[in-house]
Amino acid sequence: MARKTVLVCDNCGSEVGEGKGATLRLNYTDARRGSKQADLCDNCAGQMPGRAAARRGRRPKAASAA
């Protein structure tokens, strides 16, 4: 018998499709409190506050030549 894992949005409760959605991780500055994690659908993730973080590492060779 096969098993299937269904991902559900923690904010609105709707089912998140395959390859869709995001994971929001909240880290407290006080390390003793630990961290929290939430699975979100695309709509809920787009409504969350915050700004886009720059990707780390060196740029690919093709992009840096331009």
PDB file of N, CA and C in Angstrom:
ATOM      1  N   MET A   1       0.846  -1.166   0.000  1.00  0.00           N
ATOM      2  CA  MET A   1       0.000   0.000   0.000  1.00  0.00           C
ATOM      3  C   MET A   1       0.899   1.239   0.000  1.00  0.00           C
ATOM      4  N   ALA A   2       0.645   2.176  -0.900  1.00  0.00           N
ATOM      5  CA  ALA A   2       1.434   3.398  -1.001  1.00  0.00           C
ATOM      6  C   ALA A   2       0.868   4.465  -0.068  1.00  0.00           C
ATOM      7  N   ARG A   3       1.753   5.335   0.403  1.00  0.00           N
ATOM      8  CA  ARG A   3       1.332   6.434   1.252  1.00  0.00           C
ATOM      9  C   ARG A   3       1.641   7.744   0.556  1.00  0.00           C
ATOM     10  N   LYS A   4       0.783   8.720   0.745  1.00  0.00           N
ATOM     11  CA  LYS A   4       0.965  10.025   0.136  1.00  0.00           C
ATOM     12  C   LYS A   4       0.917  11.080   1.238  1.00  0.00           C
ATOM     13  N   THR A   5       1.895  11.979   1.230  1.00  0.00           N
ATOM     14  CA  THR A   5       1.917  13.057   2.198  1.00  0.00           C
ATOM     15  C   THR A   5       1.234  14.273   1.586  1.00  0.00           C
ATOM     16  N   VAL A   6       0.252  14.809   2.277  1.00  0.00           N
ATOM     17  CA  VAL A   6      -0.480  15.985   1.818  1.00  0.00           C
ATOM     18  C   VAL A   6      -0.053  17.162   2.684  1.00  0.00           C
ATOM     19  N   LEU A   7       0.421  18.230   2.030  1.00  0.00           N
ATOM     20  CA  LEU A   7       0.868  19.428   2.737  1.00  0.00           C
ATOM     21  C   LEU A   7      -0.289  20.412   2.821  1.00  0.00           C
ATOM     22  N   VAL A   8      -0.574  20.900   4.032  1.00  0.00           N
ATOM     23  CA  VAL A   8      -1.684  21.818   4.272  1.00  0.00           C
ATOM     24  C   VAL A   8      -1.122  23.118   4.823  1.00  0.00           C
ATOM     25  N   CYS A   9      -1.649  24.245   4.334  1.00  0.00           N
ATOM     26  CA  CYS A   9      -1.210  25.567   4.779  1.00  0.00           C
ATOM     27  C   CYS A   9      -1.565  25.759   6.254  1.00  0.00           C
ATOM     28  N   ASP A  10      -0.601  26.206   7.059  1.00  0.00           N
ATOM     29  CA  ASP A  10      -0.850  26.433   8.480  1.00  0.00           C
ATOM     30  C   ASP A  10      -1.655  27.704   8.721  1.00  0.00           C
ATOM     31  N   ASN A  11      -1.732  28.584   7.734  1.00  0.00           N
ATOM     32  CA  ASN A  11      -2.438  29.852   7.905  1.00  0.00           C
ATOM     33  C   ASN A  11      -3.914  29.742   7.503  1.00  0.00           C
ATOM     34  N   CYS A  12      -4.192  29.260   6.301  1.00  0.00           N
ATOM     35  CA  CYS A  12      -5.583  29.228   5.820  1.00  0.00           C
ATOM     36  C   CYS A  12      -6.183  27.823   5.782  1.00  0.00           C
ATOM     37  N   GLY A  13      -5.367  26.791   5.849  1.00  0.00           N
ATOM     38  CA  GLY A  13      -5.889  25.426   5.879  1.00  0.00           C
ATOM     39  C   GLY A  13      -6.111  24.789   4.523  1.00  0.00           C
ATOM     40  N   SER A  14      -5.740  25.472   3.436  1.00  0.00           N
ATOM     41  CA  SER A  14      -5.929  24.890   2.112  1.00  0.00           C
ATOM     42  C   SER A  14      -4.771  23.947   1.771  1.00  0.00           C
ATOM     43  N   GLU A  15      -5.044  23.024   0.859  1.00  0.00           N
ATOM     44  CA  GLU A  15      -4.017  22.063   0.445  1.00  0.00           C
ATOM     45  C   GLU A  15      -3.008  22.742  -0.476  1.00  0.00           C
ATOM     46  N   VAL A  16      -1.725  22.477  -0.253  1.00  0.00           N
ATOM     47  CA  VAL A  16      -0.648  23.058  -1.049  1.00  0.00           C
ATOM     48  C   VAL A  16      -0.265  22.046  -2.127  1.00  0.00           C
ATOM     49  N   GLY A  17      -0.238  22.502  -3.376  1.00  0.00           N
ATOM     50  CA  GLY A  17       0.063  21.620  -4.495  1.00  0.00           C
ATOM     51  C   GLY A  17       1.522  21.199  -4.530  1.00  0.00           C
ATOM     52  N   GLU A  18       1.806  20.203  -5.341  1.00  0.00           N
ATOM     53  CA  GLU A  18       3.167  19.683  -5.508  1.00  0.00           C
ATOM     54  C   GLU A  18       4.066  20.757  -6.113  1.00  0.00           C
ATOM     55  N   GLY A  19       5.180  21.056  -5.489  1.00  0.00           N
ATOM     56  CA  GLY A  19       6.117  22.056  -5.994  1.00  0.00           C
ATOM     57  C   GLY A  19       5.689  23.485  -5.724  1.00  0.00           C
ATOM     58  N   LYS A  20       4.660  23.691  -4.942  1.00  0.00           N
ATOM     59  CA  LYS A  20       4.157  25.026  -4.618  1.00  0.00           C
ATOM     60  C   LYS A  20       4.371  25.290  -3.140  1.00  0.00           C
ATOM     61  N   GLY A  21       4.142  26.531  -2.724  1.00  0.00           N
ATOM     62  CA  GLY A  21       4.178  26.869  -1.311  1.00  0.00           C
ATOM     63  C   GLY A  21       5.562  27.255  -0.837  1.00  0.00           C
ATOM     64  N   ALA A  22       5.639  27.536   0.462  1.00  0.00           N
ATOM     65  CA  ALA A  22       6.883  27.977   1.078  1.00  0.00           C
ATOM     66  C   ALA A  22       6.904  27.548   2.533  1.00  0.00           C
ATOM     67  N   THR A  23       8.082  27.570   3.112  1.00  0.00           N
ATOM     68  CA  THR A  23       8.252  27.297   4.526  1.00  0.00           C
ATOM     69  C   THR A  23       8.787  28.554   5.190  1.00  0.00           C
ATOM     70  N   LEU A  24       8.083  29.050   6.190  1.00  0.00           N
ATOM     71  CA  LEU A  24       8.480  30.241   6.925  1.00  0.00           C
ATOM     72  C   LEU A  24       9.123  29.786   8.224  1.00  0.00           C
ATOM     73  N   ARG A  25      10.360  30.216   8.465  1.00  0.00           N
ATOM     74  CA  ARG A  25      11.072  29.843   9.682  1.00  0.00           C
ATOM     75  C   ARG A  25      11.335  31.095  10.497  1.00  0.00           C
ATOM     76  N   LEU A  26      10.938  31.073  11.752  1.00  0.00           N
ATOM     77  CA  LEU A  26      11.070  32.203  12.647  1.00  0.00           C
ATOM     78  C   LEU A  26      12.136  31.882  13.685  1.00  0.00           C
ATOM     79  N   ASN A  27      13.208  32.665  13.695  1.00  0.00           N
ATOM     80  CA  ASN A  27      14.285  32.479  14.664  1.00  0.00           C
ATOM     81  C   ASN A  27      14.253  33.620  15.665  1.00  0.00           C
ATOM     82  N   TYR A  28      14.184  33.300  16.938  1.00  0.00           N
ATOM     83  CA  TYR A  28      14.211  34.311  17.983  1.00  0.00           C
ATOM     84  C   TYR A  28      15.649  34.734  18.255  1.00  0.00           C
ATOM     85  N   THR A  29      15.817  35.991  18.675  1.00  0.00           N
ATOM     86  CA  THR A  29      17.164  36.448  19.022  1.00  0.00           C
ATOM     87  C   THR A  29      17.640  35.785  20.313  1.00  0.00           C
ATOM     88  N   ASP A  30      16.713  35.425  21.182  1.00  0.00           N
ATOM     89  CA  ASP A  30      17.041  34.679  22.394  1.00  0.00           C
ATOM     90  C   ASP A  30      17.062  33.194  22.027  1.00  0.00           C
ATOM     91  N   ALA A  31      18.226  32.606  21.966  1.00  0.00           N
ATOM     92  CA  ALA A  31      18.381  31.232  21.480  1.00  0.00           C
ATOM     93  C   ALA A  31      17.659  30.210  22.355  1.00  0.00           C
ATOM     94  N   ARG A  32      17.369  30.546  23.594  1.00  0.00           N
ATOM     95  CA  ARG A  32      16.707  29.599  24.482  1.00  0.00           C
ATOM     96  C   ARG A  32      15.260  29.349  24.074  1.00  0.00           C
ATOM     97  N   ARG A  33      14.663  30.267  23.323  1.00  0.00           N
ATOM     98  CA  ARG A  33      13.268  30.106  22.901  1.00  0.00           C
ATOM     99  C   ARG A  33      13.152  29.193  21.697  1.00  0.00           C
ATOM    100  N   GLY A  34      14.254  28.896  21.037  1.00  0.00           N
ATOM    101  CA  GLY A  34      14.216  27.994  19.890  1.00  0.00           C
ATOM    102  C   GLY A  34      13.739  28.704  18.644  1.00  0.00           C
ATOM    103  N   SER A  35      13.039  27.987  17.785  1.00  0.00           N
ATOM    104  CA  SER A  35      12.519  28.570  16.550  1.00  0.00           C
ATOM    105  C   SER A  35      11.195  27.899  16.201  1.00  0.00           C
ATOM    106  N   LYS A  36      10.430  28.568  15.334  1.00  0.00           N
ATOM    107  CA  LYS A  36       9.148  28.035  14.875  1.00  0.00           C
ATOM    108  C   LYS A  36       9.182  27.941  13.358  1.00  0.00           C
ATOM    109  N   GLN A  37       8.373  27.037  12.813  1.00  0.00           N
ATOM    110  CA  GLN A  37       8.343  26.813  11.375  1.00  0.00           C
ATOM    111  C   GLN A  37       6.894  26.613  10.947  1.00  0.00           C
ATOM    112  N   ALA A  38       6.524  27.229   9.793  1.00  0.00           N
ATOM    113  CA  ALA A  38       5.157  27.116   9.276  1.00  0.00           C
ATOM    114  C   ALA A  38       5.203  26.826   7.783  1.00  0.00           C
ATOM    115  N   ASP A  39       4.320  25.945   7.327  1.00  0.00           N
ATOM    116  CA  ASP A  39       4.155  25.665   5.902  1.00  0.00           C
ATOM    117  C   ASP A  39       3.048  26.572   5.374  1.00  0.00           C
ATOM    118  N   LEU A  40       3.318  27.278   4.266  1.00  0.00           N
ATOM    119  CA  LEU A  40       2.364  28.231   3.725  1.00  0.00           C
ATOM    120  C   LEU A  40       2.111  27.978   2.250  1.00  0.00           C
ATOM    121  N   CYS A  41       0.899  28.306   1.797  1.00  0.00           N
ATOM    122  CA  CYS A  41       0.595  28.245   0.367  1.00  0.00           C
ATOM    123  C   CYS A  41       1.147  29.511  -0.294  1.00  0.00           C
ATOM    124  N   ASP A  42       1.107  29.575  -1.621  1.00  0.00           N
ATOM    125  CA  ASP A  42       1.667  30.716  -2.343  1.00  0.00           C
ATOM    126  C   ASP A  42       0.958  32.017  -1.978  1.00  0.00           C
ATOM    127  N   ASN A  43      -0.363  31.981  -1.824  1.00  0.00           N
ATOM    128  CA  ASN A  43      -1.117  33.197  -1.501  1.00  0.00           C
ATOM    129  C   ASN A  43      -0.744  33.735  -0.127  1.00  0.00           C
ATOM    130  N   CYS A  44      -0.677  32.875   0.861  1.00  0.00           N
ATOM    131  CA  CYS A  44      -0.349  33.307   2.226  1.00  0.00           C
ATOM    132  C   CYS A  44       1.112  33.746   2.328  1.00  0.00           C
ATOM    133  N   ALA A  45       2.001  33.088   1.620  1.00  0.00           N
ATOM    134  CA  ALA A  45       3.414  33.447   1.672  1.00  0.00           C
ATOM    135  C   ALA A  45       3.652  34.817   1.054  1.00  0.00           C
ATOM    136  N   GLY A  46       2.889  35.167   0.017  1.00  0.00           N
ATOM    137  CA  GLY A  46       3.025  36.472  -0.613  1.00  0.00           C
ATOM    138  C   GLY A  46       2.530  37.602   0.261  1.00  0.00           C
ATOM    139  N   GLN A  47       1.633  37.310   1.197  1.00  0.00           N
ATOM    140  CA  GLN A  47       1.070  38.328   2.072  1.00  0.00           C
ATOM    141  C   GLN A  47       1.894  38.536   3.342  1.00  0.00           C
ATOM    142  N   MET A  48       2.882  37.699   3.593  1.00  0.00           N
ATOM    143  CA  MET A  48       3.694  37.820   4.792  1.00  0.00           C
ATOM    144  C   MET A  48       4.610  39.044   4.699  1.00  0.00           C
ATOM    145  N   PRO A  49       4.814  39.734   5.821  1.00  0.00           N
ATOM    146  CA  PRO A  49       5.710  40.893   5.797  1.00  0.00           C
ATOM    147  C   PRO A  49       7.161  40.455   5.664  1.00  0.00           C
ATOM    148  N   GLY A  50       7.997  41.371   5.250  1.00  0.00           N
ATOM    149  CA  GLY A  50       9.419  41.079   5.121  1.00  0.00           C
ATOM    150  C   GLY A  50       9.922  41.505   3.762  1.00  0.00           C
ATOM    151  N   ARG A  51      11.201  41.316   3.560  1.00  0.00           N
ATOM    152  CA  ARG A  51      11.802  41.687   2.286  1.00  0.00           C
ATOM    153  C   ARG A  51      12.582  40.501   1.750  1.00  0.00           C
ATOM    154  N   ALA A  52      12.831  40.530   0.469  1.00  0.00           N
ATOM    155  CA  ALA A  52      13.561  39.445  -0.170  1.00  0.00           C
ATOM    156  C   ALA A  52      15.025  39.507   0.251  1.00  0.00           C
ATOM    157  N   ALA A  53      15.575  38.376   0.598  1.00  0.00           N
ATOM    158  CA  ALA A  53      16.977  38.301   0.996  1.00  0.00           C
ATOM    159  C   ALA A  53      17.822  37.976  -0.222  1.00  0.00           C
ATOM    160  N   ALA A  54      18.998  38.573  -0.282  1.00  0.00           N
ATOM    161  CA  ALA A  54      19.895  38.315  -1.400  1.00  0.00           C
ATOM    162  C   ALA A  54      20.418  36.887  -1.317  1.00  0.00           C
ATOM    163  N   ARG A  55      20.608  36.278  -2.465  1.00  0.00           N
ATOM    164  CA  ARG A  55      21.156  34.927  -2.497  1.00  0.00           C
ATOM    165  C   ARG A  55      22.640  35.004  -2.207  1.00  0.00           C
ATOM    166  N   ARG A  56      23.115  34.039  -1.484  1.00  0.00           N
ATOM    167  CA  ARG A  56      24.510  34.047  -1.074  1.00  0.00           C
ATOM    168  C   ARG A  56      25.389  33.385  -2.117  1.00  0.00           C
ATOM    169  N   GLY A  57      26.667  33.737  -2.088  1.00  0.00           N
ATOM    170  CA  GLY A  57      27.620  33.081  -2.968  1.00  0.00           C
ATOM    171  C   GLY A  57      28.005  33.932  -4.162  1.00  0.00           C
ATOM    172  N   ARG A  58      28.900  33.402  -4.945  1.00  0.00           N
ATOM    173  CA  ARG A  58      29.398  34.097  -6.124  1.00  0.00           C
ATOM    174  C   ARG A  58      28.387  33.987  -7.256  1.00  0.00           C
ATOM    175  N   ARG A  59      28.280  35.041  -8.069  1.00  0.00           N
ATOM    176  CA  ARG A  59      27.370  35.014  -9.217  1.00  0.00           C
ATOM    177  C   ARG A  59      27.879  34.039 -10.265  1.00  0.00           C
ATOM    178  N   PRO A  60      26.989  33.431 -11.027  1.00  0.00           N
ATOM    179  CA  PRO A  60      27.426  32.547 -12.104  1.00  0.00           C
ATOM    180  C   PRO A  60      28.263  33.301 -13.125  1.00  0.00           C
ATOM    181  N   LYS A  61      29.138  32.612 -13.811  1.00  0.00           N
ATOM    182  CA  LYS A  61      30.066  33.246 -14.746  1.00  0.00           C
ATOM    183  C   LYS A  61      29.333  34.004 -15.859  1.00  0.00           C
ATOM    184  N   ALA A  62      28.235  33.466 -16.381  1.00  0.00           N
ATOM    185  CA  ALA A  62      27.495  34.110 -17.460  1.00  0.00           C
ATOM    186  C   ALA A  62      26.858  35.425 -16.995  1.00  0.00           C
ATOM    187  N   ALA A  63      26.378  35.487 -15.753  1.00  0.00           N
ATOM    188  CA  ALA A  63      25.719  36.681 -15.252  1.00  0.00           C
ATOM    189  C   ALA A  63      26.721  37.775 -14.893  1.00  0.00           C
ATOM    190  N   SER A  64      27.908  37.412 -14.424  1.00  0.00           N
ATOM    191  CA  SER A  64      28.891  38.408 -14.022  1.00  0.00           C
ATOM    192  C   SER A  64      29.592  39.039 -15.227  1.00  0.00           C
ATOM    193  N   ALA A  65      29.574  38.405 -16.390  1.00  0.00           N
ATOM    194  CA  ALA A  65      30.214  38.948 -17.574  1.00  0.00           C
ATOM    195  C   ALA A  65      29.400  40.094 -18.177  1.00  0.00           C
ATOM    196  N   ALA A  66      28.092  40.097 -17.904  1.00  0.00           N
ATOM    197  CA  ALA A  66      27.216  41.131 -18.494  1.00  0.00           C
ATOM    198  C   ALA A  66      27.362  42.466 -17.819  1.00  0.00           C
TER     199      ALA A  66
END
